[in-house]
């Protein structure tokens, strides 16, 4: 029984070849084939992980932010309208953290603990006061620069922006925290 099916398959293949004998290949230039993306090597993955860890480090030097410069950030999926309401102070602030005068390590620890505590207590709208940096050694906003970096890297932060003048202006931030899972 196998031989019968096998001979039929061979006859079908031969018949197909006879019918297709005069067919010519046509060059086409419409479809663009995607290049295959190679998987990163173990060394490349380790370098990527190390880079991410360095970004979260308290020693990481991000781009310096100006004393009077306003900050604004929103994650993908957060509507512009939500950021506008945050910026205009229309969302009730439920908690506040004052980092004024703290050293970077102390401020980083206070910031991390504050965000975790807010998540546990389901607090979503907070104000963080960092100051403008006029009292720092070189009159540069060290904490403001660090906080800008820490907030962007923390996946629990959905959006932030500089506060209204009456709430601290360029020396404070309104922050929107992700709902706890």
N, C-alpha and C. Protein backbone atom coordinates (compact mmCIF):
# COMPACT_ATOMS: atom_id res chain seq x y z
N UNK A 1 0.81 -1.18 0.00
CA UNK A 1 0.00 0.00 0.00
C UNK A 1 0.87 1.26 0.00
N UNK A 2 1.98 1.18 0.65
CA UNK A 2 2.90 2.30 0.67
C UNK A 2 3.44 2.58 -0.73
N UNK A 3 3.74 1.53 -1.47
CA UNK A 3 4.30 1.71 -2.80
C UNK A 3 3.33 2.41 -3.72
N UNK A 4 2.03 2.11 -3.58
CA UNK A 4 1.02 2.73 -4.42
C UNK A 4 0.97 4.24 -4.16
N UNK A 5 0.97 4.66 -2.87
CA UNK A 5 0.95 6.08 -2.51
C UNK A 5 2.24 6.76 -2.94
N UNK A 6 3.34 6.07 -2.77
CA UNK A 6 4.65 6.62 -3.10
C UNK A 6 4.75 6.85 -4.61
N UNK A 7 4.31 5.89 -5.43
CA UNK A 7 4.38 6.05 -6.88
C UNK A 7 3.43 7.16 -7.33
N UNK A 8 2.28 7.31 -6.67
CA UNK A 8 1.34 8.38 -7.01
C UNK A 8 1.97 9.74 -6.72
N UNK A 9 2.69 9.86 -5.57
CA UNK A 9 3.37 11.10 -5.21
C UNK A 9 4.43 11.45 -6.24
N UNK A 10 5.18 10.45 -6.68
CA UNK A 10 6.23 10.69 -7.67
C UNK A 10 5.62 11.14 -8.99
N UNK A 11 4.48 10.54 -9.38
CA UNK A 11 3.81 10.94 -10.61
C UNK A 11 3.32 12.38 -10.51
N UNK A 12 2.78 12.75 -9.35
CA UNK A 12 2.29 14.11 -9.14
C UNK A 12 3.43 15.13 -9.23
N UNK A 13 4.55 14.80 -8.62
CA UNK A 13 5.71 15.69 -8.65
C UNK A 13 6.20 15.86 -10.08
N UNK A 14 6.29 14.77 -10.84
CA UNK A 14 6.75 14.84 -12.22
C UNK A 14 5.79 15.67 -13.07
N UNK A 15 4.50 15.46 -12.89
CA UNK A 15 3.49 16.22 -13.62
C UNK A 15 3.61 17.71 -13.30
N UNK A 16 3.82 18.05 -12.04
CA UNK A 16 4.00 19.44 -11.62
C UNK A 16 5.21 20.06 -12.31
N UNK A 17 6.33 19.34 -12.34
CA UNK A 17 7.55 19.85 -12.98
C UNK A 17 7.35 20.09 -14.47
N UNK A 18 6.62 19.19 -15.14
CA UNK A 18 6.36 19.35 -16.56
C UNK A 18 5.54 20.62 -16.81
N UNK A 19 4.54 20.83 -15.98
CA UNK A 19 3.68 22.01 -16.15
C UNK A 19 4.43 23.31 -15.85
N UNK A 20 5.37 23.28 -14.97
CA UNK A 20 6.09 24.47 -14.55
C UNK A 20 7.40 24.65 -15.31
N UNK A 21 7.66 23.86 -16.30
CA UNK A 21 8.93 23.86 -17.00
C UNK A 21 9.37 25.19 -17.56
N UNK A 22 8.49 26.00 -18.14
CA UNK A 22 8.87 27.26 -18.77
C UNK A 22 8.75 28.47 -17.87
N UNK A 23 8.50 28.27 -16.59
CA UNK A 23 8.32 29.38 -15.66
C UNK A 23 9.68 30.01 -15.35
N UNK A 24 9.74 31.35 -15.38
CA UNK A 24 10.97 32.09 -15.07
C UNK A 24 10.78 32.84 -13.75
N UNK A 25 11.81 32.91 -12.98
CA UNK A 25 11.80 33.62 -11.69
C UNK A 25 11.74 35.12 -11.96
N UNK A 26 10.86 35.83 -11.27
CA UNK A 26 10.71 37.27 -11.44
C UNK A 26 11.33 37.96 -10.22
N UNK A 27 12.24 38.88 -10.49
CA UNK A 27 12.81 39.67 -9.40
C UNK A 27 11.74 40.63 -8.89
N UNK A 28 11.60 40.72 -7.61
CA UNK A 28 10.65 41.66 -7.04
C UNK A 28 11.39 42.56 -6.05
N UNK A 29 10.97 43.81 -6.01
CA UNK A 29 11.63 44.76 -5.13
C UNK A 29 10.64 45.45 -4.18
N UNK A 30 9.48 44.88 -4.03
CA UNK A 30 8.45 45.49 -3.19
C UNK A 30 8.53 45.06 -1.73
N UNK A 31 8.88 43.84 -1.47
CA UNK A 31 8.92 43.33 -0.11
C UNK A 31 10.32 43.55 0.45
N UNK A 32 10.38 44.12 1.63
CA UNK A 32 11.67 44.31 2.29
C UNK A 32 11.75 43.31 3.44
N UNK A 33 12.69 42.43 3.33
CA UNK A 33 12.85 41.41 4.36
C UNK A 33 13.55 42.02 5.56
N UNK A 34 13.03 41.69 6.73
CA UNK A 34 13.63 42.20 7.95
C UNK A 34 14.89 41.42 8.26
N UNK A 35 15.88 42.16 8.74
CA UNK A 35 17.11 41.50 9.15
C UNK A 35 16.85 40.76 10.45
N UNK A 36 17.47 39.63 10.58
CA UNK A 36 17.31 38.88 11.82
C UNK A 36 18.11 39.57 12.91
N UNK A 37 17.47 39.75 14.04
CA UNK A 37 18.13 40.37 15.18
C UNK A 37 18.78 39.26 15.99
N UNK A 38 20.06 39.40 16.17
CA UNK A 38 20.75 38.37 16.94
C UNK A 38 20.55 38.61 18.43
N UNK A 39 20.51 37.55 19.18
CA UNK A 39 20.37 37.64 20.62
C UNK A 39 21.67 38.18 21.21
N UNK A 40 21.57 39.04 22.22
CA UNK A 40 22.79 39.56 22.83
C UNK A 40 23.58 38.44 23.52
N UNK A 41 24.87 38.59 23.48
CA UNK A 41 25.71 37.60 24.13
C UNK A 41 25.62 37.76 25.64
N UNK A 42 26.14 36.80 26.35
CA UNK A 42 26.12 36.86 27.81
C UNK A 42 26.85 38.10 28.31
N UNK A 43 27.95 38.44 27.65
CA UNK A 43 28.74 39.61 28.05
C UNK A 43 27.94 40.90 27.82
N UNK A 44 27.24 40.98 26.66
CA UNK A 44 26.43 42.16 26.36
C UNK A 44 25.28 42.31 27.35
N UNK A 45 24.65 41.19 27.72
CA UNK A 45 23.56 41.25 28.71
C UNK A 45 24.09 41.72 30.05
N UNK A 46 25.26 41.24 30.44
CA UNK A 46 25.85 41.65 31.72
C UNK A 46 26.15 43.14 31.71
N UNK A 47 26.65 43.66 30.57
CA UNK A 47 26.95 45.09 30.47
C UNK A 47 25.67 45.91 30.57
N UNK A 48 24.59 45.44 29.96
CA UNK A 48 23.31 46.15 30.01
C UNK A 48 22.80 46.19 31.44
N UNK A 49 22.86 45.08 32.14
CA UNK A 49 22.41 45.03 33.54
C UNK A 49 23.25 45.96 34.39
N UNK A 50 24.57 45.95 34.17
CA UNK A 50 25.46 46.82 34.94
C UNK A 50 25.14 48.29 34.68
N UNK A 51 24.86 48.64 33.42
CA UNK A 51 24.50 50.01 33.07
C UNK A 51 23.24 50.44 33.78
N UNK A 52 22.21 49.56 33.80
CA UNK A 52 20.96 49.89 34.48
C UNK A 52 21.18 50.07 35.97
N UNK A 53 22.01 49.22 36.56
CA UNK A 53 22.28 49.35 37.99
C UNK A 53 23.01 50.65 38.28
N UNK A 54 23.91 51.05 37.37
CA UNK A 54 24.64 52.30 37.56
C UNK A 54 23.70 53.50 37.49
N UNK A 55 22.69 53.43 36.63
CA UNK A 55 21.73 54.53 36.52
C UNK A 55 20.98 54.73 37.82
N UNK A 56 20.71 53.64 38.53
CA UNK A 56 19.98 53.74 39.79
C UNK A 56 20.89 54.04 40.97
N UNK A 57 22.17 54.04 40.73
CA UNK A 57 23.13 54.28 41.80
C UNK A 57 23.05 55.73 42.26
N UNK A 58 23.34 55.94 43.53
CA UNK A 58 23.34 57.31 44.04
C UNK A 58 24.56 58.08 43.54
N UNK A 59 25.55 57.38 43.00
CA UNK A 59 26.75 58.03 42.49
C UNK A 59 26.63 58.42 41.02
N UNK A 60 25.58 57.96 40.35
CA UNK A 60 25.41 58.23 38.93
C UNK A 60 25.22 59.72 38.70
N UNK A 61 25.97 60.28 37.77
CA UNK A 61 25.86 61.70 37.45
C UNK A 61 25.01 61.89 36.21
N UNK A 62 23.79 62.31 36.38
CA UNK A 62 22.89 62.58 35.26
C UNK A 62 23.16 63.99 34.74
N UNK A 63 22.49 64.35 33.67
CA UNK A 63 22.60 65.71 33.16
C UNK A 63 22.12 66.67 34.24
N UNK A 64 22.89 67.69 34.49
CA UNK A 64 22.56 68.63 35.56
C UNK A 64 21.38 69.49 35.14
N UNK A 65 20.46 69.64 36.06
CA UNK A 65 19.26 70.43 35.84
C UNK A 65 19.51 71.82 36.42
N UNK A 66 19.00 72.84 35.76
CA UNK A 66 19.18 74.22 36.24
C UNK A 66 18.36 74.52 37.48
N UNK A 67 18.80 75.51 38.25
CA UNK A 67 18.14 75.88 39.50
C UNK A 67 16.67 76.25 39.29
N UNK A 68 16.39 77.05 38.29
CA UNK A 68 15.04 77.53 38.04
C UNK A 68 14.33 76.73 36.94
N UNK A 69 14.97 75.67 36.46
CA UNK A 69 14.39 74.86 35.39
C UNK A 69 13.22 74.03 35.92
N UNK A 70 12.15 73.99 35.15
CA UNK A 70 11.00 73.18 35.55
C UNK A 70 11.15 71.78 34.95
N UNK A 71 10.67 70.81 35.69
CA UNK A 71 10.75 69.42 35.26
C UNK A 71 9.37 68.90 34.91
N UNK A 72 9.32 67.98 33.96
CA UNK A 72 8.05 67.37 33.58
C UNK A 72 8.35 66.02 32.94
N UNK A 73 7.56 65.01 33.32
CA UNK A 73 7.76 63.66 32.81
C UNK A 73 6.46 62.89 32.94
N UNK A 74 6.16 62.08 31.93
CA UNK A 74 5.02 61.16 32.02
C UNK A 74 5.37 59.90 31.24
N UNK A 75 4.97 58.79 31.79
CA UNK A 75 5.21 57.50 31.13
C UNK A 75 4.25 57.33 29.97
N UNK A 76 4.62 56.46 29.08
CA UNK A 76 3.76 56.11 27.97
C UNK A 76 2.45 55.57 28.52
N UNK A 77 1.34 56.02 27.96
CA UNK A 77 0.04 55.57 28.42
C UNK A 77 -0.63 56.54 29.39
N UNK A 78 0.13 57.48 29.92
CA UNK A 78 -0.45 58.49 30.81
C UNK A 78 -0.90 59.67 29.94
N UNK A 79 -2.16 60.03 30.06
CA UNK A 79 -2.71 61.08 29.22
C UNK A 79 -2.13 62.45 29.56
N UNK A 80 -2.04 63.29 28.55
CA UNK A 80 -1.55 64.66 28.75
C UNK A 80 -2.45 65.41 29.72
N UNK A 81 -3.74 65.10 29.67
CA UNK A 81 -4.71 65.76 30.55
C UNK A 81 -4.40 65.47 32.02
N UNK A 82 -3.97 64.25 32.31
CA UNK A 82 -3.62 63.89 33.70
C UNK A 82 -2.41 64.70 34.15
N UNK A 83 -1.41 64.81 33.28
CA UNK A 83 -0.22 65.60 33.61
C UNK A 83 -0.60 67.07 33.79
N UNK A 84 -1.51 67.58 32.97
CA UNK A 84 -1.95 68.98 33.09
C UNK A 84 -2.65 69.21 34.43
N UNK A 85 -3.50 68.26 34.84
CA UNK A 85 -4.17 68.38 36.14
C UNK A 85 -3.16 68.34 37.28
N UNK A 86 -2.15 67.48 37.14
CA UNK A 86 -1.09 67.40 38.16
C UNK A 86 -0.34 68.73 38.22
N UNK A 87 0.03 69.26 37.07
CA UNK A 87 0.79 70.51 36.99
C UNK A 87 0.01 71.69 37.56
N UNK A 88 -1.29 71.69 37.35
CA UNK A 88 -2.12 72.80 37.83
C UNK A 88 -2.53 72.66 39.29
N UNK A 89 -2.09 71.59 39.93
CA UNK A 89 -2.41 71.39 41.35
C UNK A 89 -3.84 70.98 41.58
N UNK A 90 -4.49 70.41 40.57
CA UNK A 90 -5.89 70.02 40.69
C UNK A 90 -6.06 68.66 41.38
N UNK A 91 -4.97 67.93 41.55
CA UNK A 91 -5.03 66.65 42.25
C UNK A 91 -4.60 66.89 43.70
N UNK A 92 -5.40 66.43 44.63
CA UNK A 92 -5.13 66.65 46.05
C UNK A 92 -3.87 65.90 46.47
N UNK A 93 -2.94 66.63 47.06
CA UNK A 93 -1.71 66.01 47.54
C UNK A 93 -1.99 65.28 48.85
N UNK A 94 -1.64 64.01 48.88
CA UNK A 94 -1.96 63.17 50.03
C UNK A 94 -0.79 62.99 50.99
N UNK A 95 0.42 63.31 50.52
CA UNK A 95 1.60 63.19 51.38
C UNK A 95 2.69 64.10 50.84
N UNK A 96 3.70 64.32 51.68
CA UNK A 96 4.79 65.21 51.29
C UNK A 96 6.10 64.71 51.87
N UNK A 97 7.17 64.87 51.10
CA UNK A 97 8.51 64.51 51.56
C UNK A 97 9.40 65.72 51.35
N UNK A 98 10.11 66.14 52.40
CA UNK A 98 11.02 67.28 52.31
C UNK A 98 12.45 66.78 52.37
N UNK A 99 13.18 66.93 51.27
CA UNK A 99 14.57 66.47 51.19
C UNK A 99 15.57 67.61 51.42
N UNK A 100 15.07 68.79 51.71
CA UNK A 100 15.93 69.97 51.90
C UNK A 100 17.11 69.66 52.82
N UNK A 101 18.30 70.01 52.39
CA UNK A 101 19.47 69.90 53.24
C UNK A 101 20.01 68.49 53.45
N UNK A 102 19.40 67.48 52.87
CA UNK A 102 19.88 66.11 53.06
C UNK A 102 21.05 65.81 52.12
N UNK A 103 21.91 64.91 52.56
CA UNK A 103 22.97 64.43 51.68
C UNK A 103 22.35 63.45 50.69
N UNK A 104 23.06 63.16 49.62
CA UNK A 104 22.52 62.28 48.58
C UNK A 104 22.16 60.90 49.13
N UNK A 105 23.04 60.22 49.88
CA UNK A 105 22.66 58.89 50.39
C UNK A 105 21.43 58.93 51.30
N UNK A 106 21.36 59.92 52.17
CA UNK A 106 20.22 60.04 53.08
C UNK A 106 18.94 60.34 52.29
N UNK A 107 19.05 61.23 51.31
CA UNK A 107 17.90 61.59 50.49
C UNK A 107 17.42 60.39 49.68
N UNK A 108 18.36 59.60 49.15
CA UNK A 108 17.99 58.43 48.35
C UNK A 108 17.23 57.42 49.20
N UNK A 109 17.72 57.21 50.41
CA UNK A 109 17.06 56.27 51.33
C UNK A 109 15.67 56.79 51.72
N UNK A 110 15.58 58.08 52.01
CA UNK A 110 14.29 58.67 52.37
C UNK A 110 13.31 58.59 51.20
N UNK A 111 13.79 58.87 50.00
CA UNK A 111 12.96 58.81 48.80
C UNK A 111 12.44 57.39 48.58
N UNK A 112 13.32 56.41 48.62
CA UNK A 112 12.93 55.01 48.38
C UNK A 112 11.89 54.55 49.41
N UNK A 113 12.15 54.85 50.67
CA UNK A 113 11.22 54.47 51.73
C UNK A 113 9.88 55.16 51.59
N UNK A 114 9.92 56.44 51.22
CA UNK A 114 8.69 57.21 51.05
C UNK A 114 7.82 56.62 49.93
N UNK A 115 8.41 56.29 48.79
CA UNK A 115 7.65 55.74 47.66
C UNK A 115 7.06 54.38 48.05
N UNK A 116 7.85 53.55 48.73
CA UNK A 116 7.34 52.24 49.16
C UNK A 116 6.17 52.40 50.13
N UNK A 117 6.32 53.31 51.06
CA UNK A 117 5.26 53.54 52.05
C UNK A 117 4.00 54.07 51.38
N UNK A 118 4.15 54.97 50.43
CA UNK A 118 3.00 55.50 49.71
C UNK A 118 2.28 54.38 48.96
N UNK A 119 3.03 53.48 48.37
CA UNK A 119 2.43 52.36 47.65
C UNK A 119 1.64 51.48 48.61
N UNK A 120 2.22 51.20 49.77
CA UNK A 120 1.56 50.34 50.74
C UNK A 120 0.27 50.98 51.26
N UNK A 121 0.26 52.29 51.39
CA UNK A 121 -0.90 53.00 51.93
C UNK A 121 -1.85 53.48 50.84
N UNK A 122 -1.57 53.10 49.58
CA UNK A 122 -2.38 53.49 48.42
C UNK A 122 -2.45 55.01 48.27
N UNK A 123 -1.35 55.68 48.51
CA UNK A 123 -1.23 57.12 48.32
C UNK A 123 -0.68 57.34 46.92
N UNK A 124 -1.37 58.13 46.12
CA UNK A 124 -0.99 58.27 44.70
C UNK A 124 -0.45 59.64 44.34
N UNK A 125 -0.88 60.71 45.03
CA UNK A 125 -0.47 62.06 44.67
C UNK A 125 0.36 62.64 45.82
N UNK A 126 1.63 62.94 45.53
CA UNK A 126 2.51 63.44 46.58
C UNK A 126 3.30 64.64 46.08
N UNK A 127 3.85 65.37 47.03
CA UNK A 127 4.77 66.47 46.70
C UNK A 127 6.10 66.15 47.34
N UNK A 128 7.16 66.31 46.55
CA UNK A 128 8.52 66.12 47.07
C UNK A 128 9.25 67.45 46.93
N UNK A 129 9.73 67.95 48.06
CA UNK A 129 10.45 69.22 48.07
C UNK A 129 11.94 68.91 48.05
N UNK A 130 12.62 69.43 47.05
CA UNK A 130 14.06 69.16 46.91
C UNK A 130 14.89 70.43 47.00
N UNK A 131 14.27 71.58 46.87
CA UNK A 131 14.99 72.85 46.90
C UNK A 131 15.55 73.18 45.52
N UNK A 132 16.04 74.39 45.39
CA UNK A 132 16.56 74.84 44.10
C UNK A 132 18.08 74.71 43.99
N UNK A 133 18.72 74.43 45.09
CA UNK A 133 20.16 74.20 45.05
C UNK A 133 21.01 75.43 45.26
N UNK A 134 20.41 76.56 45.59
CA UNK A 134 21.20 77.77 45.79
C UNK A 134 22.13 77.66 47.00
N UNK A 135 21.79 76.82 47.95
CA UNK A 135 22.62 76.68 49.15
C UNK A 135 23.69 75.60 49.02
N UNK A 136 23.76 74.93 47.89
CA UNK A 136 24.77 73.87 47.73
C UNK A 136 26.15 74.47 47.47
N UNK A 137 27.14 73.62 47.50
CA UNK A 137 28.54 74.04 47.40
C UNK A 137 28.82 74.90 46.16
N UNK A 138 28.36 74.44 45.01
CA UNK A 138 28.62 75.17 43.77
C UNK A 138 27.37 75.86 43.23
N UNK A 139 26.38 76.05 44.09
CA UNK A 139 25.11 76.68 43.73
C UNK A 139 24.44 75.94 42.58
N UNK A 140 24.57 74.61 42.57
CA UNK A 140 23.92 73.77 41.56
C UNK A 140 22.94 72.85 42.28
N UNK A 141 21.81 72.58 41.65
CA UNK A 141 20.77 71.76 42.29
C UNK A 141 21.09 70.27 42.26
N UNK A 142 21.88 69.82 43.21
CA UNK A 142 22.32 68.42 43.25
C UNK A 142 21.13 67.48 43.50
N UNK A 143 20.36 67.75 44.53
CA UNK A 143 19.21 66.88 44.84
C UNK A 143 18.16 66.90 43.73
N UNK A 144 17.94 68.06 43.16
CA UNK A 144 16.97 68.18 42.07
C UNK A 144 17.38 67.30 40.89
N UNK A 145 18.66 67.33 40.56
CA UNK A 145 19.18 66.52 39.46
C UNK A 145 19.05 65.03 39.77
N UNK A 146 19.43 64.65 40.97
CA UNK A 146 19.34 63.24 41.37
C UNK A 146 17.89 62.77 41.39
N UNK A 147 17.02 63.58 41.95
CA UNK A 147 15.61 63.21 42.06
C UNK A 147 14.98 63.05 40.67
N UNK A 148 15.36 63.91 39.75
CA UNK A 148 14.88 63.80 38.36
C UNK A 148 15.24 62.42 37.80
N UNK A 149 16.45 62.00 38.03
CA UNK A 149 16.92 60.69 37.56
C UNK A 149 16.22 59.55 38.30
N UNK A 150 16.13 59.62 39.62
CA UNK A 150 15.52 58.55 40.41
C UNK A 150 14.05 58.36 40.05
N UNK A 151 13.33 59.45 39.85
CA UNK A 151 11.91 59.35 39.51
C UNK A 151 11.70 58.72 38.14
N UNK A 152 12.53 59.08 37.18
CA UNK A 152 12.40 58.53 35.82
C UNK A 152 12.71 57.03 35.80
N UNK A 153 13.64 56.60 36.63
CA UNK A 153 14.05 55.20 36.65
C UNK A 153 13.10 54.32 37.46
N UNK A 154 12.37 54.90 38.39
CA UNK A 154 11.48 54.13 39.25
C UNK A 154 10.19 53.83 38.50
N UNK A 155 9.93 52.56 38.25
CA UNK A 155 8.76 52.15 37.47
C UNK A 155 7.43 52.39 38.21
N UNK A 156 7.49 52.68 39.49
CA UNK A 156 6.28 52.96 40.26
C UNK A 156 5.81 54.41 40.06
N UNK A 157 6.65 55.23 39.44
CA UNK A 157 6.31 56.63 39.20
C UNK A 157 5.71 56.75 37.80
N UNK A 158 4.49 57.25 37.72
CA UNK A 158 3.81 57.40 36.43
C UNK A 158 4.08 58.75 35.79
N UNK A 159 4.15 59.79 36.60
CA UNK A 159 4.38 61.14 36.08
C UNK A 159 4.86 62.03 37.20
N UNK A 160 5.54 63.11 36.82
CA UNK A 160 5.90 64.15 37.78
C UNK A 160 6.11 65.45 37.03
N UNK A 161 5.99 66.54 37.76
CA UNK A 161 6.21 67.86 37.19
C UNK A 161 6.53 68.84 38.32
N UNK A 162 7.12 69.96 37.94
CA UNK A 162 7.42 70.99 38.92
C UNK A 162 6.12 71.54 39.49
N UNK A 163 6.19 71.92 40.74
CA UNK A 163 5.01 72.41 41.46
C UNK A 163 4.67 73.84 41.07
N UNK A 164 3.47 74.27 41.46
CA UNK A 164 3.08 75.67 41.28
C UNK A 164 3.94 76.52 42.21
N UNK A 165 4.02 77.80 41.91
CA UNK A 165 4.86 78.72 42.69
C UNK A 165 4.49 78.69 44.17
N UNK A 166 3.20 78.68 44.47
CA UNK A 166 2.77 78.70 45.88
C UNK A 166 3.08 77.40 46.62
N UNK A 167 3.42 76.33 45.87
CA UNK A 167 3.77 75.05 46.49
C UNK A 167 5.26 74.73 46.41
N UNK A 168 6.05 75.71 45.99
CA UNK A 168 7.49 75.49 45.93
C UNK A 168 8.10 75.73 44.56
N UNK A 169 7.29 75.86 43.54
CA UNK A 169 7.79 76.16 42.20
C UNK A 169 8.83 75.17 41.72
N UNK A 170 9.95 75.69 41.22
CA UNK A 170 11.02 74.85 40.67
C UNK A 170 11.78 74.11 41.77
N UNK A 171 11.42 74.34 43.03
CA UNK A 171 12.08 73.65 44.14
C UNK A 171 11.29 72.49 44.69
N UNK A 172 10.19 72.12 44.01
CA UNK A 172 9.35 71.01 44.47
C UNK A 172 8.72 70.32 43.27
N UNK A 173 8.29 69.09 43.48
CA UNK A 173 7.67 68.31 42.42
C UNK A 173 6.35 67.72 42.89
N UNK A 174 5.40 67.69 41.99
CA UNK A 174 4.19 66.90 42.19
C UNK A 174 4.47 65.56 41.53
N UNK A 175 4.11 64.47 42.21
CA UNK A 175 4.41 63.13 41.72
C UNK A 175 3.15 62.28 41.73
N UNK A 176 2.95 61.54 40.64
CA UNK A 176 1.84 60.60 40.53
C UNK A 176 2.42 59.19 40.62
N UNK A 177 1.97 58.43 41.63
CA UNK A 177 2.50 57.09 41.89
C UNK A 177 1.53 56.04 41.38
N UNK A 178 2.06 54.97 40.84
CA UNK A 178 1.26 53.87 40.32
C UNK A 178 0.41 53.24 41.43
N UNK A 179 -0.79 52.79 41.07
CA UNK A 179 -1.64 52.08 42.04
C UNK A 179 -0.95 50.78 42.44
N UNK A 180 -1.10 50.36 43.69
CA UNK A 180 -0.51 49.08 44.08
C UNK A 180 -1.19 47.94 43.35
N UNK A 181 -0.44 46.89 43.07
CA UNK A 181 -0.97 45.74 42.33
C UNK A 181 -1.76 44.83 43.21
